[in-house]
Amino acid sequence: MTTPDVRGLEQLERTVLDDTASLATAPLRQCLMLAGYAHHAELRAWALKELEGYTATDELPPYRKVPAALEVAVDLNPPGQIIQGNTRRISPHQLPQHARDRGIGESAPIRQGVRELAPSCARVDDGVGEAWS
């Protein structure tokens, strides 16, 4: 007789290998199920946060902090000229202290869950759709 956790692993394997299954949410839902069978609270908490999102107080895993350059749009109006759309990269140290205190820097935290991110990634018109469908 096969135990529920082994059946869950077999089901997870089938889902991951199934080209028609949604890779955005199905493996995480099954991971939640397996964590429940195995009474693994840490795995369950991780899968739930990945699926639903991280709160502002949650520590983010390193893969959810992506590098992001800080750029500002500079519109100059010297006498007789208008220069627009000129972007400049800036250092976080050039930001006001209150902005640095809020964590604004050269990385962007991704706190949204896969459930929320998947629809925006599924837009086929920008060529990203195949990765999540």
Foldseek 3Di string as FASTA:
>chain_A
DDDPLVVLVVVLVCQVPDLPHFPLQVNLVSQLVNCVVVVPVVSNVVSCCQAAWADPPDDDDPVQKAFAWDKDWDWDDDVPDTDGRDIDTDAPVPDDPVCVVVPDGGIDGDGGHSNVVLVVQLPPVVPRNSVGD
